[in-house]
Amino acid sequence: MATYVVGPAAEFPAGTHRVITAGRVEIGVFNVNGTFYAMPNVCTHQFGPLCEGTVDGTMTASAATGWRYEWTRDGEIVTCPWHGLEFDITTGRCLAAAKVRLRHYLVTVEDGLVTVTV
């Protein structure tokens, strides 16, 4: 395993993300409400640059809302810029296909630096 420095935590506020190169792999590193997540910059659909997409929320409906749609999970969903496939940043799970899940890499913050272990 190898560890790569993403950058100073102070320059990586909640709601931001960036793509880094770790060896020969591109990885998206996300700060979701103060918790860091990292996953491959590859969409499972047609291998598009997933982590270069927008980070937003998604529309959901439930019995609690009378089955009316509402905007939820703001800042937790990344959308592939090629075809719009959505992934939950916190779990790596694809919203359209629950059995599809991206791997996560270990992210740590030590001495003010964010690092990813691949």
C-alpha atoms as a PDB file:
ATOM      1  CA  MET A   1       0.000   0.000   0.000  1.00  0.00           C
ATOM      2  CA  ALA A   2       1.077   3.547  -0.686  1.00  0.00           C
ATOM      3  CA  THR A   3      -0.015   6.814   0.926  1.00  0.00           C
ATOM      4  CA  TYR A   4      -0.502  10.018  -1.068  1.00  0.00           C
ATOM      5  CA  VAL A   5      -0.882  13.560   0.240  1.00  0.00           C
ATOM      6  CA  VAL A   6      -4.040  15.301  -0.955  1.00  0.00           C
ATOM      7  CA  GLY A   7      -3.241  18.644   0.674  1.00  0.00           C
ATOM      8  CA  PRO A   8      -3.733  20.711   3.816  1.00  0.00           C
ATOM      9  CA  ALA A   9      -7.070  20.055   5.527  1.00  0.00           C
ATOM     10  CA  ALA A  10      -7.506  23.811   5.959  1.00  0.00           C
ATOM     11  CA  GLU A  11      -7.644  24.169   2.156  1.00  0.00           C
ATOM     12  CA  PHE A  12     -10.234  21.391   1.808  1.00  0.00           C
ATOM     13  CA  PRO A  13     -13.447  22.679   3.442  1.00  0.00           C
ATOM     14  CA  ALA A  14     -16.695  20.733   3.740  1.00  0.00           C
ATOM     15  CA  GLY A  15     -18.521  20.473   0.432  1.00  0.00           C
ATOM     16  CA  THR A  16     -15.394  20.427  -1.708  1.00  0.00           C
ATOM     17  CA  HIS A  17     -13.712  17.669  -3.658  1.00  0.00           C
ATOM     18  CA  ARG A  18     -10.728  17.168  -5.928  1.00  0.00           C
ATOM     19  CA  VAL A  19      -9.264  14.497  -8.149  1.00  0.00           C
ATOM     20  CA  ILE A  20      -5.713  13.349  -7.437  1.00  0.00           C
ATOM     21  CA  THR A  21      -3.376  10.962  -9.198  1.00  0.00           C
ATOM     22  CA  ALA A  22      -2.115   8.177  -6.928  1.00  0.00           C
ATOM     23  CA  GLY A  23       0.422   6.176  -8.896  1.00  0.00           C
ATOM     24  CA  ARG A  24      -1.467   5.179 -12.034  1.00  0.00           C
ATOM     25  CA  VAL A  25      -4.930   5.610 -10.494  1.00  0.00           C
ATOM     26  CA  GLU A  26      -7.092   8.728 -10.392  1.00  0.00           C
ATOM     27  CA  ILE A  27      -9.010   9.111  -7.143  1.00  0.00           C
ATOM     28  CA  GLY A  28     -11.739  11.524  -6.131  1.00  0.00           C
ATOM     29  CA  VAL A  29     -11.404  12.823  -2.585  1.00  0.00           C
ATOM     30  CA  PHE A  30     -14.534  14.388  -1.064  1.00  0.00           C
ATOM     31  CA  ASN A  31     -15.207  16.305   2.141  1.00  0.00           C
ATOM     32  CA  VAL A  32     -18.823  15.575   3.015  1.00  0.00           C
ATOM     33  CA  ASN A  33     -19.864  17.524   6.109  1.00  0.00           C
ATOM     34  CA  GLY A  34     -16.367  17.255   7.585  1.00  0.00           C
ATOM     35  CA  THR A  35     -15.837  13.551   6.838  1.00  0.00           C
ATOM     36  CA  PHE A  36     -13.443  12.579   4.053  1.00  0.00           C
ATOM     37  CA  TYR A  37     -14.146   9.883   1.459  1.00  0.00           C
ATOM     38  CA  ALA A  38     -12.104   8.654  -1.510  1.00  0.00           C
ATOM     39  CA  MET A  39     -13.119   6.502  -4.469  1.00  0.00           C
ATOM     40  CA  PRO A  40     -11.920   5.749  -8.005  1.00  0.00           C
ATOM     41  CA  ASN A  41     -12.504   8.401 -10.647  1.00  0.00           C
ATOM     42  CA  VAL A  42     -14.226   5.806 -12.865  1.00  0.00           C
ATOM     43  CA  CYS A  43     -17.934   5.371 -13.476  1.00  0.00           C
ATOM     44  CA  THR A  44     -19.072   1.761 -13.716  1.00  0.00           C
ATOM     45  CA  HIS A  45     -21.315   2.521 -16.705  1.00  0.00           C
ATOM     46  CA  GLN A  46     -18.813   3.375 -19.438  1.00  0.00           C
ATOM     47  CA  PHE A  47     -15.706   4.271 -17.427  1.00  0.00           C
ATOM     48  CA  GLY A  48     -16.347   8.022 -17.490  1.00  0.00           C
ATOM     49  CA  PRO A  49     -14.565  10.424 -15.100  1.00  0.00           C
ATOM     50  CA  LEU A  50     -17.118  10.082 -12.290  1.00  0.00           C
ATOM     51  CA  CYS A  51     -15.397  12.258  -9.688  1.00  0.00           C
ATOM     52  CA  GLU A  52     -15.175  15.173 -12.110  1.00  0.00           C
ATOM     53  CA  GLY A  53     -18.971  15.379 -12.020  1.00  0.00           C
ATOM     54  CA  THR A  54     -21.122  17.609  -9.873  1.00  0.00           C
ATOM     55  CA  VAL A  55     -21.751  16.962  -6.194  1.00  0.00           C
ATOM     56  CA  ASP A  56     -25.320  17.603  -5.173  1.00  0.00           C
ATOM     57  CA  GLY A  57     -28.275  15.750  -3.744  1.00  0.00           C
ATOM     58  CA  THR A  58     -31.003  13.669  -5.306  1.00  0.00           C
ATOM     59  CA  MET A  59     -34.771  13.457  -5.563  1.00  0.00           C
ATOM     60  CA  THR A  60     -36.543  10.931  -3.352  1.00  0.00           C
ATOM     61  CA  ALA A  61     -40.121  10.133  -2.467  1.00  0.00           C
ATOM     62  CA  SER A  62     -41.422   8.260   0.566  1.00  0.00           C
ATOM     63  CA  ALA A  63     -44.557   7.585   2.555  1.00  0.00           C
ATOM     64  CA  ALA A  64     -43.491  10.386   4.923  1.00  0.00           C
ATOM     65  CA  THR A  65     -43.822  12.915   2.068  1.00  0.00           C
ATOM     66  CA  GLY A  66     -47.046  11.404   0.703  1.00  0.00           C
ATOM     67  CA  TRP A  67     -44.969  10.013  -2.159  1.00  0.00           C
ATOM     68  CA  ARG A  68     -44.169  13.514  -3.365  1.00  0.00           C
ATOM     69  CA  TYR A  69     -40.629  14.073  -4.508  1.00  0.00           C
ATOM     70  CA  GLU A  70     -38.263  16.127  -2.385  1.00  0.00           C
ATOM     71  CA  TRP A  71     -34.620  17.127  -2.628  1.00  0.00           C
ATOM     72  CA  THR A  72     -32.481  15.111  -0.180  1.00  0.00           C
ATOM     73  CA  ARG A  73     -28.886  14.102   0.598  1.00  0.00           C
ATOM     74  CA  ASP A  74     -27.498  17.467  -0.503  1.00  0.00           C
ATOM     75  CA  GLY A  75     -23.710  17.263  -0.882  1.00  0.00           C
ATOM     76  CA  GLU A  76     -23.630  13.449  -0.681  1.00  0.00           C
ATOM     77  CA  ILE A  77     -24.232  12.428  -4.305  1.00  0.00           C
ATOM     78  CA  VAL A  78     -21.764  12.658  -7.204  1.00  0.00           C
ATOM     79  CA  THR A  79     -23.176  12.542 -10.740  1.00  0.00           C
ATOM     80  CA  CYS A  80     -21.138  11.195 -13.639  1.00  0.00           C
ATOM     81  CA  PRO A  81     -20.690  13.964 -16.219  1.00  0.00           C
ATOM     82  CA  TRP A  82     -21.007  11.548 -19.150  1.00  0.00           C
ATOM     83  CA  HIS A  83     -24.438   9.964 -18.635  1.00  0.00           C
ATOM     84  CA  GLY A  84     -25.781  11.185 -15.300  1.00  0.00           C
ATOM     85  CA  LEU A  85     -25.384   8.026 -13.218  1.00  0.00           C
ATOM     86  CA  GLU A  86     -25.495   8.966  -9.511  1.00  0.00           C
ATOM     87  CA  PHE A  87     -23.343   7.497  -6.724  1.00  0.00           C
ATOM     88  CA  ASP A  88     -23.568   7.913  -2.964  1.00  0.00           C
ATOM     89  CA  ILE A  89     -20.195   9.327  -1.906  1.00  0.00           C
ATOM     90  CA  THR A  90     -20.506   7.956   1.638  1.00  0.00           C
ATOM     91  CA  THR A  91     -21.064   4.336   0.576  1.00  0.00           C
ATOM     92  CA  GLY A  92     -19.968   4.156  -3.073  1.00  0.00           C
ATOM     93  CA  ARG A  93     -23.345   2.682  -3.967  1.00  0.00           C
ATOM     94  CA  CYS A  94     -24.969   3.496  -7.303  1.00  0.00           C
ATOM     95  CA  LEU A  95     -28.438   4.982  -6.808  1.00  0.00           C
ATOM     96  CA  ALA A  96     -29.816   3.352  -9.984  1.00  0.00           C
ATOM     97  CA  ALA A  97     -28.424  -0.133  -9.269  1.00  0.00           C
ATOM     98  CA  ALA A  98     -28.101  -0.928  -5.567  1.00  0.00           C
ATOM     99  CA  LYS A  99     -25.841  -3.947  -6.192  1.00  0.00           C
ATOM    100  CA  VAL A 100     -23.232  -1.750  -7.898  1.00  0.00           C
ATOM    101  CA  ARG A 101     -20.760  -0.235  -5.470  1.00  0.00           C
ATOM    102  CA  LEU A 102     -17.434   1.523  -5.926  1.00  0.00           C
ATOM    103  CA  ARG A 103     -14.522   0.788  -3.619  1.00  0.00           C
ATOM    104  CA  HIS A 104     -13.440   3.323  -1.023  1.00  0.00           C
ATOM    105  CA  TYR A 105      -9.881   4.183  -0.080  1.00  0.00           C
ATOM    106  CA  LEU A 106      -8.710   5.044   3.430  1.00  0.00           C
ATOM    107  CA  VAL A 107      -8.511   8.795   4.039  1.00  0.00           C
ATOM    108  CA  THR A 108      -6.781  10.189   7.127  1.00  0.00           C
ATOM    109  CA  VAL A 109      -6.025  13.630   8.488  1.00  0.00           C
ATOM    110  CA  GLU A 110      -2.789  13.866  10.447  1.00  0.00           C
ATOM    111  CA  ASP A 111      -0.833  16.974  11.358  1.00  0.00           C
ATOM    112  CA  GLY A 112      -3.215  19.026   9.250  1.00  0.00           C
ATOM    113  CA  LEU A 113      -2.655  17.018   6.047  1.00  0.00           C
ATOM    114  CA  VAL A 114      -5.258  14.928   4.222  1.00  0.00           C
ATOM    115  CA  THR A 115      -3.801  11.659   2.909  1.00  0.00           C
ATOM    116  CA  VAL A 116      -5.191   8.716   0.918  1.00  0.00           C
ATOM    117  CA  THR A 117      -3.933   5.141   1.203  1.00  0.00           C
ATOM    118  CA  VAL A 118      -4.183   3.035  -1.945  1.00  0.00           C
END
